Protein backbone atom coordinates (compact mmCIF):
# COMPACT_ATOMS: atom_id res chain seq x y z
CA UNK A 1 -0.01 0.01 0.00
CA UNK A 2 1.42 3.40 -0.98
CA UNK A 3 2.04 6.14 1.56
CA UNK A 4 -0.55 8.29 -0.19
CA UNK A 5 -3.26 5.64 0.10
CA UNK A 6 -2.69 5.44 3.89
CA UNK A 7 -3.64 9.07 4.44
CA UNK A 8 -7.03 9.40 6.09
CA UNK A 9 -9.05 12.59 6.16
CA UNK A 10 -9.82 14.22 9.45
CA UNK A 11 -13.39 13.35 10.40
CA UNK A 12 -16.20 15.32 11.97
CA UNK A 13 -16.02 13.26 15.24
CA UNK A 14 -12.27 13.97 15.41
CA UNK A 15 -12.92 17.71 15.24
CA UNK A 16 -15.73 17.45 17.77
CA UNK A 17 -13.49 15.54 20.16
CA UNK A 18 -10.89 18.34 20.16
CA UNK A 19 -13.03 20.37 22.57
CA UNK A 20 -10.68 21.71 25.24
CA UNK A 21 -7.69 19.99 23.69
CA UNK A 22 -5.02 21.04 21.19
CA UNK A 23 -6.30 24.11 19.29
CA UNK A 24 -7.90 23.40 15.94
CA UNK A 25 -6.16 24.99 12.94
CA UNK A 26 -8.29 26.17 10.02
CA UNK A 27 -8.08 28.45 6.97
CA UNK A 28 -10.27 29.14 4.01
CA UNK A 29 -9.37 27.96 0.54
CA UNK A 30 -11.15 28.22 -2.76
CA UNK A 31 -9.05 26.34 -5.31
CA UNK A 32 -6.93 23.22 -5.54
CA UNK A 33 -3.47 24.82 -5.54
CA UNK A 34 -3.68 26.74 -2.29
CA UNK A 35 -5.78 23.96 -0.72
CA UNK A 36 -2.92 21.50 -1.29
CA UNK A 37 -0.58 23.82 0.69
CA UNK A 38 -3.04 24.50 3.49
CA UNK A 39 -3.86 20.78 3.68
CA UNK A 40 -0.44 20.05 5.20
CA UNK A 41 -1.22 22.11 8.28
CA UNK A 42 -4.98 22.58 8.72
CA UNK A 43 -7.36 20.30 10.61
CA UNK A 44 -10.20 21.53 8.47
CA UNK A 45 -10.47 23.79 5.42
CA UNK A 46 -13.48 26.03 4.96
CA UNK A 47 -14.66 26.72 1.41
CA UNK A 48 -16.26 29.96 2.56
CA UNK A 49 -18.77 32.07 0.71
CA UNK A 50 -16.24 34.84 1.26
CA UNK A 51 -14.99 33.54 -2.11
CA UNK A 52 -17.58 35.90 -3.66
CA UNK A 53 -15.62 38.90 -2.44
CA UNK A 54 -12.14 37.44 -2.49
CA UNK A 55 -12.21 35.58 -5.81
CA UNK A 56 -15.02 37.22 -7.73
CA UNK A 57 -14.94 40.88 -6.71
CA UNK A 58 -18.44 40.96 -5.20
CA UNK A 59 -19.37 43.63 -2.63
CA UNK A 60 -20.74 41.03 -0.22
CA UNK A 61 -21.40 37.29 0.06
CA UNK A 62 -25.05 37.65 -0.89
CA UNK A 63 -24.49 37.11 -4.63
CA UNK A 64 -22.82 33.73 -4.18
CA UNK A 65 -24.79 30.85 -5.69
CA UNK A 66 -25.03 27.19 -4.76
CA UNK A 67 -23.42 26.25 -8.08
CA UNK A 68 -20.50 28.54 -7.38
CA UNK A 69 -19.92 26.99 -3.94
CA UNK A 70 -20.06 23.51 -5.45
CA UNK A 71 -17.56 24.44 -8.18
CA UNK A 72 -15.01 25.74 -5.68
CA UNK A 73 -15.78 22.92 -3.21
CA UNK A 74 -14.92 20.33 -5.86
CA UNK A 75 -11.60 22.04 -6.52
CA UNK A 76 -10.62 22.11 -2.86
CA UNK A 77 -11.53 18.47 -2.33
CA UNK A 78 -9.47 17.48 -5.39
CA UNK A 79 -6.46 19.37 -4.06
CA UNK A 80 -6.46 17.86 -0.59
CA UNK A 81 -5.97 14.55 1.18
CA UNK A 82 -5.92 15.13 4.92
CA UNK A 83 -8.12 18.00 6.11
CA UNK A 84 -11.82 17.85 6.71
CA UNK A 85 -13.47 19.99 4.03
CA UNK A 86 -16.39 22.14 5.12
CA UNK A 87 -18.42 24.03 2.52
CA UNK A 88 -20.52 27.09 3.28
CA UNK A 89 -24.21 27.07 2.40
CA UNK A 90 -24.76 30.34 0.55
CA UNK A 91 -27.47 32.88 1.26
CA UNK A 92 -30.91 31.68 0.20
CA UNK A 93 -30.01 27.99 0.09
CA UNK A 94 -31.19 26.98 3.58
CA UNK A 95 -33.35 29.65 5.23
CA UNK A 96 -36.71 28.87 3.59
CA UNK A 97 -37.29 25.48 5.20
CA UNK A 98 -35.39 22.54 6.71
CA UNK A 99 -36.45 20.41 3.74
CA UNK A 100 -34.95 22.79 1.19
CA UNK A 101 -31.84 23.13 3.36
CA UNK A 102 -31.46 19.35 3.37
CA UNK A 103 -31.89 19.13 -0.40
CA UNK A 104 -29.20 21.74 -1.02
CA UNK A 105 -26.83 20.42 1.69
CA UNK A 106 -27.11 16.90 0.28
CA UNK A 107 -26.30 18.21 -3.16
CA UNK A 108 -23.24 20.01 -1.85
CA UNK A 109 -21.96 16.87 -0.16
CA UNK A 110 -22.77 14.55 -3.08
CA UNK A 111 -21.23 16.76 -5.75
CA UNK A 112 -18.15 18.02 -3.91
CA UNK A 113 -17.24 15.06 -1.69
CA UNK A 114 -16.87 17.42 1.31
CA UNK A 115 -17.29 16.20 4.85
CA UNK A 116 -19.63 18.84 6.30
CA UNK A 117 -21.53 22.05 5.57
CA UNK A 118 -21.63 25.34 7.46
CA UNK A 119 -24.59 27.68 7.87
CA UNK A 120 -25.12 30.96 9.61
CA UNK A 121 -27.60 31.62 12.43
CA UNK A 122 -28.19 30.61 16.01
CA UNK A 123 -31.50 29.89 17.66
CA UNK A 124 -33.49 30.71 14.54
CA UNK A 125 -31.66 28.00 12.60
CA UNK A 126 -31.70 25.33 15.34
CA UNK A 127 -34.63 23.41 13.83
CA UNK A 128 -32.84 23.30 10.46
CA UNK A 129 -29.58 22.18 12.02
CA UNK A 130 -31.44 19.40 13.85
CA UNK A 131 -33.23 18.35 10.68
CA UNK A 132 -29.92 18.09 8.78
CA UNK A 133 -27.94 16.31 11.48
CA UNK A 134 -30.69 13.78 12.10
CA UNK A 135 -30.49 12.90 8.40
CA UNK A 136 -26.74 12.47 8.22
CA UNK A 137 -25.56 15.97 7.22
CA UNK A 138 -22.79 17.18 9.63
CA UNK A 139 -23.30 20.87 10.35
CA UNK A 140 -20.90 23.54 11.57
CA UNK A 141 -22.82 26.52 12.96
CA UNK A 142 -21.88 30.20 12.76
CA UNK A 143 -22.95 32.91 15.20
CA UNK A 144 -21.97 36.43 16.22
CA UNK A 145 -21.20 38.52 13.17
CA UNK A 146 -22.94 36.65 10.36
CA UNK A 147 -21.97 38.24 7.01
CA UNK A 148 -25.05 37.03 5.18
CA UNK A 149 -27.10 39.14 7.61
CA UNK A 150 -24.94 42.22 7.31
CA UNK A 151 -27.78 44.34 5.92
CA UNK A 152 -30.02 43.66 8.91
CA UNK A 153 -27.05 44.15 11.26
CA UNK A 154 -26.26 47.53 9.72
CA UNK A 155 -22.89 46.36 8.35
CA UNK A 156 -19.93 44.38 9.57
CA UNK A 157 -20.06 45.39 13.26
CA UNK A 158 -18.40 43.78 16.24
CA UNK A 159 -20.99 41.87 18.26
CA UNK A 160 -21.42 41.84 22.04
CA UNK A 161 -20.11 45.32 22.85
CA UNK A 162 -23.23 45.82 24.96
CA UNK A 163 -23.07 43.30 27.77
CA UNK A 164 -26.87 43.25 27.94
CA UNK A 165 -26.82 41.46 24.58
CA UNK A 166 -24.68 38.59 25.78
CA UNK A 167 -27.59 36.30 26.83
CA UNK A 168 -28.81 36.34 23.20
CA UNK A 169 -25.48 35.05 21.91
CA UNK A 170 -25.22 32.54 24.71
CA UNK A 171 -28.68 31.26 23.85
CA UNK A 172 -27.62 30.96 20.20
CA UNK A 173 -24.57 28.90 21.14
CA UNK A 174 -26.63 26.65 23.41
CA UNK A 175 -29.29 26.19 20.72
CA UNK A 176 -26.94 25.10 17.95
CA UNK A 177 -25.18 22.78 20.38
CA UNK A 178 -28.44 21.15 21.37
CA UNK A 179 -29.49 20.90 17.73
CA UNK A 180 -26.46 18.73 16.92
CA UNK A 181 -23.88 21.04 15.37
CA UNK A 182 -20.38 19.54 15.78
CA UNK A 183 -18.68 22.95 16.10
CA UNK A 184 -19.54 26.63 15.91
CA UNK A 185 -17.74 29.62 14.40
CA UNK A 186 -17.72 32.73 16.63
CA UNK A 187 -17.11 35.72 14.40
CA UNK A 188 -16.56 39.36 15.20
CA UNK A 189 -17.37 38.91 18.86
CA UNK A 190 -15.85 40.71 21.85
CA UNK A 191 -13.24 38.59 23.57
CA UNK A 192 -14.84 38.08 26.99
CA UNK A 193 -18.09 36.89 25.43
CA UNK A 194 -16.32 34.47 23.11
CA UNK A 195 -14.30 33.10 26.05
CA UNK A 196 -17.48 32.73 28.12
CA UNK A 197 -19.31 30.86 25.37
CA UNK A 198 -16.33 28.55 24.80
CA UNK A 199 -16.53 27.51 28.45
CA UNK A 200 -20.28 27.09 28.40
CA UNK A 201 -20.86 24.75 25.47
CA UNK A 202 -19.77 21.18 24.83
CA UNK A 203 -18.74 21.61 21.15
CA UNK A 204 -15.59 23.29 19.82
CA UNK A 205 -15.65 27.03 19.12
CA UNK A 206 -13.76 28.32 16.13
CA UNK A 207 -12.77 31.97 16.53
CA UNK A 208 -12.38 34.63 13.90
CA UNK A 209 -12.11 38.02 15.51
CA UNK A 210 -13.04 36.47 18.84
CA UNK A 211 -10.72 35.02 21.50
CA UNK A 212 -7.51 33.03 21.81
CA UNK A 213 -9.46 30.89 24.29
CA UNK A 214 -11.62 29.49 21.52
CA UNK A 215 -11.00 25.82 20.71
CA UNK A 216 -9.65 26.75 17.28
CA UNK A 217 -9.04 29.63 14.92
CA UNK A 218 -9.81 30.42 11.27
CA UNK A 219 -8.76 33.20 8.93
CA UNK A 220 -9.35 33.98 5.28
CA UNK A 221 -6.16 32.78 3.56
CA UNK A 222 -5.83 35.80 1.28
CA UNK A 223 -6.11 38.14 4.32
CA UNK A 224 -3.34 36.50 6.29
CA UNK A 225 -1.12 36.37 3.15
CA UNK A 226 -1.36 40.12 2.62
CA UNK A 227 -3.12 39.83 -0.73
CA UNK A 228 -5.82 42.38 0.08
CA UNK A 229 -5.30 46.12 0.36
CA UNK A 230 -7.33 46.24 3.58
CA UNK A 231 -7.71 43.68 6.32
CA UNK A 232 -9.91 43.63 9.47
CA UNK A 233 -8.35 44.42 12.86
CA UNK A 234 -8.49 40.75 13.86
CA UNK A 235 -6.27 39.59 10.99
CA UNK A 236 -2.56 39.08 11.53
CA UNK A 237 -0.69 39.27 8.21
CA UNK A 238 1.78 36.39 8.15
CA UNK A 239 3.09 37.00 4.59
CA UNK A 240 3.14 40.20 2.62
CA UNK A 241 2.66 38.53 -0.77
CA UNK A 242 0.73 41.31 -2.51
CA UNK A 243 3.78 43.55 -3.17
CA UNK A 244 5.90 40.49 -4.04
CA UNK A 245 3.41 39.38 -6.70
CA UNK A 246 3.17 42.91 -8.09
CA UNK A 247 6.98 43.12 -8.34
CA UNK A 248 7.16 39.80 -10.11
CA UNK A 249 4.53 40.90 -12.63
CA UNK A 250 6.30 44.20 -13.14
CA UNK A 251 9.62 42.43 -13.78
CA UNK A 252 7.95 40.08 -16.27
CA UNK A 253 6.36 42.95 -18.16
CA UNK A 254 9.66 44.80 -18.35
CA UNK A 255 11.51 41.76 -19.71
CA UNK A 256 8.80 41.04 -22.30
CA UNK A 257 8.95 44.64 -23.57
CA UNK A 258 12.75 44.53 -23.75
CA UNK A 259 12.74 41.05 -25.37
CA UNK A 260 14.85 39.73 -22.47
CA UNK A 261 12.16 37.06 -21.96
CA UNK A 262 12.09 34.43 -23.19
CA UNK A 263 15.88 33.97 -22.90
CA UNK A 264 18.09 31.09 -24.03
CA UNK A 265 16.97 28.92 -21.14
CA UNK A 266 13.26 29.30 -21.94
CA UNK A 267 13.24 28.35 -25.63
CA UNK A 268 13.60 25.00 -27.42
CA UNK A 269 16.67 24.67 -29.69
């Protein structure tokens, strides 16, 4: 048996069992090449609907379609061997009813080969989460700042600044846990609230703009690589690749114009 054939993907129960243990590492990825790199280090990879903004130049995630998520999900699955692949359910694909959510989630899993789906919403989506998990669809929940609801939230605002609102977020976390979610993303949430929720619930919390006390962390890959002109406060830029790429493109353009490229080493004699 080859070494490659021995590799086993991380499973949903393995992620769920990391509660309170070694922190869970996660990043987004949208295509096979970067997914293959991230796969070496991440416990799970999220094919996030943020791809609408990052890859397709959209103003928000609301224009992302189910077909688009499936296309990118297929690419990430093809490019990986080890990480659990989680695919976002886009806006409009799960809110109408649990039955429609199941139909669309099943299609995502069947067509991409991913291991789980993620959907936004706390208490209001608990019945849908329960409906899916009872029928064999593993669900990662997402509460706090939920980008698909940015219009009703009045924009991308940090959640929980008013301590009087904390019980609502705590109730959301408890509801998705009781409904069967195997993990929950806490996004754009003040640190003490995220820490408090992490201690209260029995499933792993995955922080993004939350707390180091969460059971894991996730960032958008392009943000942490410095490929975007602006990044949120919660992003640490680990590689400033934007200027490096621009310099490489500039050097290429200069050599093409001067006929220095292709040189002797790049042509066939």
